[in-house]
N, C-alpha and C. Protein backbone atom coordinates (compact mmCIF):
# COMPACT_ATOMS: atom_id res chain seq x y z
N UNK A 1 -9.51 -26.76 -33.29
CA UNK A 1 -8.93 -27.63 -31.77
C UNK A 1 -7.90 -27.18 -31.46
N UNK A 2 -7.71 -26.71 -29.77
CA UNK A 2 -6.50 -26.37 -29.48
C UNK A 2 -5.16 -27.65 -29.10
N UNK A 3 -4.27 -27.00 -29.64
CA UNK A 3 -3.39 -28.20 -28.93
C UNK A 3 -2.52 -27.64 -27.81
N UNK A 4 -2.06 -28.61 -26.66
CA UNK A 4 -1.82 -28.13 -25.77
C UNK A 4 -0.37 -28.15 -25.98
N UNK A 5 0.70 -27.55 -24.53
CA UNK A 5 1.43 -27.56 -24.55
C UNK A 5 2.64 -28.49 -25.21
N UNK A 6 2.00 -29.64 -24.54
CA UNK A 6 3.10 -30.87 -24.54
C UNK A 6 3.20 -31.12 -26.23
N UNK A 7 1.89 -31.07 -26.84
CA UNK A 7 2.12 -31.49 -28.41
C UNK A 7 2.72 -30.53 -29.59
N UNK A 8 2.76 -29.54 -28.42
CA UNK A 8 3.17 -28.67 -29.74
C UNK A 8 4.97 -28.64 -29.57
N UNK A 9 5.36 -28.55 -28.18
CA UNK A 9 6.76 -28.94 -27.73
C UNK A 9 6.67 -29.77 -26.97
N UNK A 10 7.30 -31.20 -27.73
CA UNK A 10 6.93 -32.47 -27.14
C UNK A 10 8.71 -32.61 -26.03
N UNK A 11 9.55 -31.57 -26.10
CA UNK A 11 10.89 -31.95 -25.43
C UNK A 11 10.41 -31.44 -23.72
N UNK A 12 9.27 -30.86 -23.49
CA UNK A 12 8.74 -30.34 -22.28
C UNK A 12 8.80 -30.99 -21.17
N UNK A 13 8.72 -31.94 -20.37
CA UNK A 13 8.14 -32.22 -19.66
C UNK A 13 7.50 -31.64 -18.22
N UNK A 14 6.42 -32.30 -17.80
CA UNK A 14 5.44 -31.78 -16.88
C UNK A 14 6.26 -30.96 -15.69
N UNK A 15 6.90 -31.92 -15.22
CA UNK A 15 7.49 -30.99 -14.24
C UNK A 15 8.34 -30.16 -14.35
N UNK A 16 8.82 -29.76 -15.52
CA UNK A 16 9.62 -28.46 -15.88
C UNK A 16 8.51 -27.46 -15.93
N UNK A 17 7.39 -27.93 -16.93
CA UNK A 17 5.95 -27.02 -16.77
C UNK A 17 5.33 -26.65 -15.33
N UNK A 18 5.28 -27.38 -15.22
CA UNK A 18 4.59 -27.28 -13.43
C UNK A 18 5.81 -25.94 -12.95
N UNK A 19 7.01 -26.26 -12.94
CA UNK A 19 7.79 -25.44 -12.23
C UNK A 19 7.96 -24.36 -12.39
N UNK A 20 8.27 -24.00 -13.75
CA UNK A 20 7.92 -22.59 -14.17
C UNK A 20 6.88 -21.92 -13.89
N UNK A 21 5.06 -22.70 -14.02
CA UNK A 21 4.15 -21.87 -13.74
C UNK A 21 4.11 -21.27 -12.60
N UNK A 22 4.79 -22.84 -11.29
CA UNK A 22 5.25 -21.46 -10.05
C UNK A 22 5.89 -21.20 -9.48
N UNK A 23 6.86 -20.57 -10.45
CA UNK A 23 8.00 -19.62 -10.20
C UNK A 23 7.08 -18.60 -10.65
N UNK A 24 6.55 -18.04 -11.68
CA UNK A 24 5.63 -16.99 -12.07
C UNK A 24 4.85 -17.01 -11.60
N UNK A 25 3.88 -17.77 -10.84
CA UNK A 25 2.94 -17.42 -9.56
C UNK A 25 3.59 -17.04 -8.33
N UNK A 26 4.11 -17.35 -8.09
CA UNK A 26 5.59 -16.77 -6.85
C UNK A 26 6.14 -15.49 -6.57
N UNK A 27 6.29 -15.01 -8.48
CA UNK A 27 6.89 -14.13 -8.41
C UNK A 27 6.40 -12.95 -8.34
N UNK A 28 4.19 -13.20 -9.19
CA UNK A 28 3.31 -12.48 -9.13
C UNK A 28 3.42 -11.86 -7.74
N UNK A 29 2.93 -12.76 -6.89
CA UNK A 29 2.82 -12.86 -5.39
C UNK A 29 3.59 -11.73 -4.95
N UNK A 30 4.71 -11.87 -4.88
CA UNK A 30 5.76 -10.91 -4.32
C UNK A 30 5.91 -9.47 -4.74
N UNK A 31 5.80 -9.12 -6.46
CA UNK A 31 5.32 -8.26 -7.04
C UNK A 31 4.78 -7.28 -6.44
N UNK A 32 3.31 -8.75 -5.88
CA UNK A 32 1.97 -7.75 -6.20
C UNK A 32 2.24 -7.15 -4.26
N UNK A 33 2.68 -7.51 -3.31
CA UNK A 33 2.81 -7.75 -2.19
C UNK A 33 3.77 -6.67 -2.25
N UNK A 34 4.98 -6.40 -2.52
CA UNK A 34 5.36 -4.90 -2.53
C UNK A 34 4.81 -3.70 -3.07
N UNK A 35 4.06 -4.17 -3.80
CA UNK A 35 3.30 -2.69 -4.44
C UNK A 35 2.37 -2.49 -3.55
N UNK A 36 1.77 -3.22 -2.57
CA UNK A 36 0.72 -2.77 -2.13
C UNK A 36 1.00 -2.23 -1.02
N UNK A 37 2.15 -2.77 -0.33
CA UNK A 37 2.94 -2.79 1.35
C UNK A 37 3.61 -1.02 0.90
N UNK A 38 4.09 -0.62 -0.44
CA UNK A 38 4.23 1.00 -0.69
C UNK A 38 2.92 1.81 -1.40
N UNK A 39 2.53 1.01 -1.47
CA UNK A 39 0.85 1.91 -1.65
C UNK A 39 0.14 2.34 -0.31
N UNK A 40 -0.06 1.40 0.86
CA UNK A 40 -0.71 1.46 1.88
C UNK A 40 -0.43 2.24 3.19
N UNK A 41 1.00 2.88 2.70
CA UNK A 41 2.04 3.59 3.47
C UNK A 41 1.17 5.08 4.14
N UNK A 42 0.74 5.81 5.01
CA UNK A 42 1.04 7.26 4.84
C UNK A 42 1.52 7.99 5.07
N UNK A 43 1.67 8.95 4.69
CA UNK A 43 2.32 9.95 4.95
C UNK A 43 2.15 10.80 6.04
N UNK A 44 2.95 11.38 7.01
CA UNK A 44 2.28 12.13 8.10
C UNK A 44 2.67 13.53 7.38
N UNK A 45 1.77 14.43 8.39
CA UNK A 45 2.07 15.42 7.93
C UNK A 45 3.35 16.12 8.75
N UNK A 46 4.03 17.74 8.08
CA UNK A 46 4.80 18.20 8.83
C UNK A 46 4.77 18.86 9.95
N UNK A 47 5.51 19.62 10.49
CA UNK A 47 5.29 20.30 11.62
C UNK A 47 5.08 21.71 10.72
N UNK A 48 6.30 21.76 10.12
CA UNK A 48 6.07 23.08 9.08
C UNK A 48 4.40 23.39 8.45
N UNK A 49 4.19 22.10 7.70
CA UNK A 49 2.72 21.95 7.23
C UNK A 49 2.04 22.44 7.91
N UNK A 50 2.02 21.90 9.20
CA UNK A 50 0.62 21.96 10.13
C UNK A 50 0.44 23.37 10.97
N UNK A 51 1.74 23.78 10.76
CA UNK A 51 1.35 25.07 11.19
C UNK A 51 1.03 26.38 10.44
N UNK A 52 1.76 25.89 8.79
CA UNK A 52 0.95 26.64 7.61
C UNK A 52 -0.34 26.92 7.81
N UNK A 53 -1.23 25.78 8.17
CA UNK A 53 -2.83 25.92 8.18
C UNK A 53 -3.36 26.88 8.51
N UNK A 54 -4.82 27.78 7.83
CA UNK A 54 -4.75 28.49 8.41
C UNK A 54 -6.82 28.47 8.86
N UNK A 55 -6.69 28.43 10.12
CA UNK A 55 -7.94 27.32 10.39
C UNK A 55 -9.18 28.50 10.38
N UNK A 56 -8.60 29.93 10.31
CA UNK A 56 -10.04 30.34 9.79
C UNK A 56 -10.44 30.24 8.43
N UNK A 57 -9.82 29.95 7.28
CA UNK A 57 -10.02 29.19 6.43
C UNK A 57 -9.21 28.16 5.84
N UNK A 58 -10.02 27.33 6.85
CA UNK A 58 -9.03 25.72 5.72
C UNK A 58 -9.54 25.06 5.04
N UNK A 59 -8.85 24.96 3.90
CA UNK A 59 -9.02 24.21 1.85
C UNK A 59 -9.03 22.75 2.76
N UNK A 60 -10.08 22.61 2.52
CA UNK A 60 -10.84 20.72 2.62
C UNK A 60 -10.64 20.25 3.80
N UNK A 61 -11.12 19.32 3.56
CA UNK A 61 -11.53 18.48 4.53
C UNK A 61 -11.10 17.86 5.76
N UNK A 62 -9.49 17.29 5.53
CA UNK A 62 -8.90 17.14 6.37
C UNK A 62 -8.11 18.22 7.04
N UNK A 63 -8.27 19.46 6.54
CA UNK A 63 -7.19 20.55 7.42
C UNK A 63 -8.74 21.03 7.95
N UNK A 64 -9.94 20.92 7.66
CA UNK A 64 -10.89 21.27 9.01
C UNK A 64 -11.27 20.33 9.75
N UNK A 65 -10.68 19.16 9.97
CA UNK A 65 -10.76 17.89 10.91
C UNK A 65 -9.67 18.67 11.62
N UNK A 66 -8.42 19.13 11.37
CA UNK A 66 -7.31 19.41 11.72
C UNK A 66 -7.62 20.30 12.66
N UNK A 67 -8.29 21.65 12.15
CA UNK A 67 -8.73 22.38 13.16
C UNK A 67 -9.63 22.27 14.27
N UNK A 68 -10.66 21.28 13.88
CA UNK A 68 -11.39 20.83 14.94
C UNK A 68 -10.82 19.64 15.89
N UNK A 69 -10.26 18.89 15.85
CA UNK A 69 -9.45 18.03 16.24
C UNK A 69 -8.18 17.78 16.92
N UNK A 70 -7.49 18.33 16.11
CA UNK A 70 -5.82 18.34 16.20
C UNK A 70 -5.37 19.11 16.58
N UNK A 71 -6.04 20.55 16.92
CA UNK A 71 -4.92 21.36 17.63
C UNK A 71 -5.42 21.11 19.33
N UNK A 72 -5.91 20.42 19.96
CA UNK A 72 -6.13 20.38 21.14
C UNK A 72 -4.92 20.13 22.36
N UNK A 73 -5.08 20.88 23.11
CA UNK A 73 -3.72 20.80 23.94
C UNK A 73 -3.50 19.64 24.80
N UNK A 74 -2.55 19.01 24.55
CA UNK A 74 -2.43 17.77 25.90
C UNK A 74 -2.10 18.17 27.12
N UNK A 75 -3.02 17.79 27.59
CA UNK A 75 -3.89 17.64 29.27
C UNK A 75 -2.45 16.70 29.76
N UNK A 76 -1.99 16.59 30.61
CA UNK A 76 -1.06 16.04 31.69
C UNK A 76 -1.67 15.46 32.79
N UNK A 77 -1.80 14.44 32.81
CA UNK A 77 -3.11 13.96 33.81
C UNK A 77 -2.40 13.49 35.27
N UNK A 78 -2.26 13.88 36.69
CA UNK A 78 -1.69 13.60 37.28
C UNK A 78 -2.11 12.29 38.29
N UNK A 79 -1.56 11.44 38.50
CA UNK A 79 -2.23 10.65 39.74
C UNK A 79 -1.88 10.39 40.76
N UNK A 80 -3.06 10.52 41.97
CA UNK A 80 -2.51 11.44 43.12
C UNK A 80 -2.95 10.05 44.08
């Protein structure tokens, strides 16, 4: 039979144990939020990297997509 925390350590009251438990939960949630924010951030390609891509022989899916769609000249729309 397993003993509860209160049976092993009777000097702790329930309020103290629940407050410790809540602090641990909040601490874990804050740490998870910080790590997910950092992991989901996307980095942009530098201009130097974009210019270095050889569209005659692109390496990988992203470079192929960049050569196909990313090099379109921006058209200026005139409102008449």
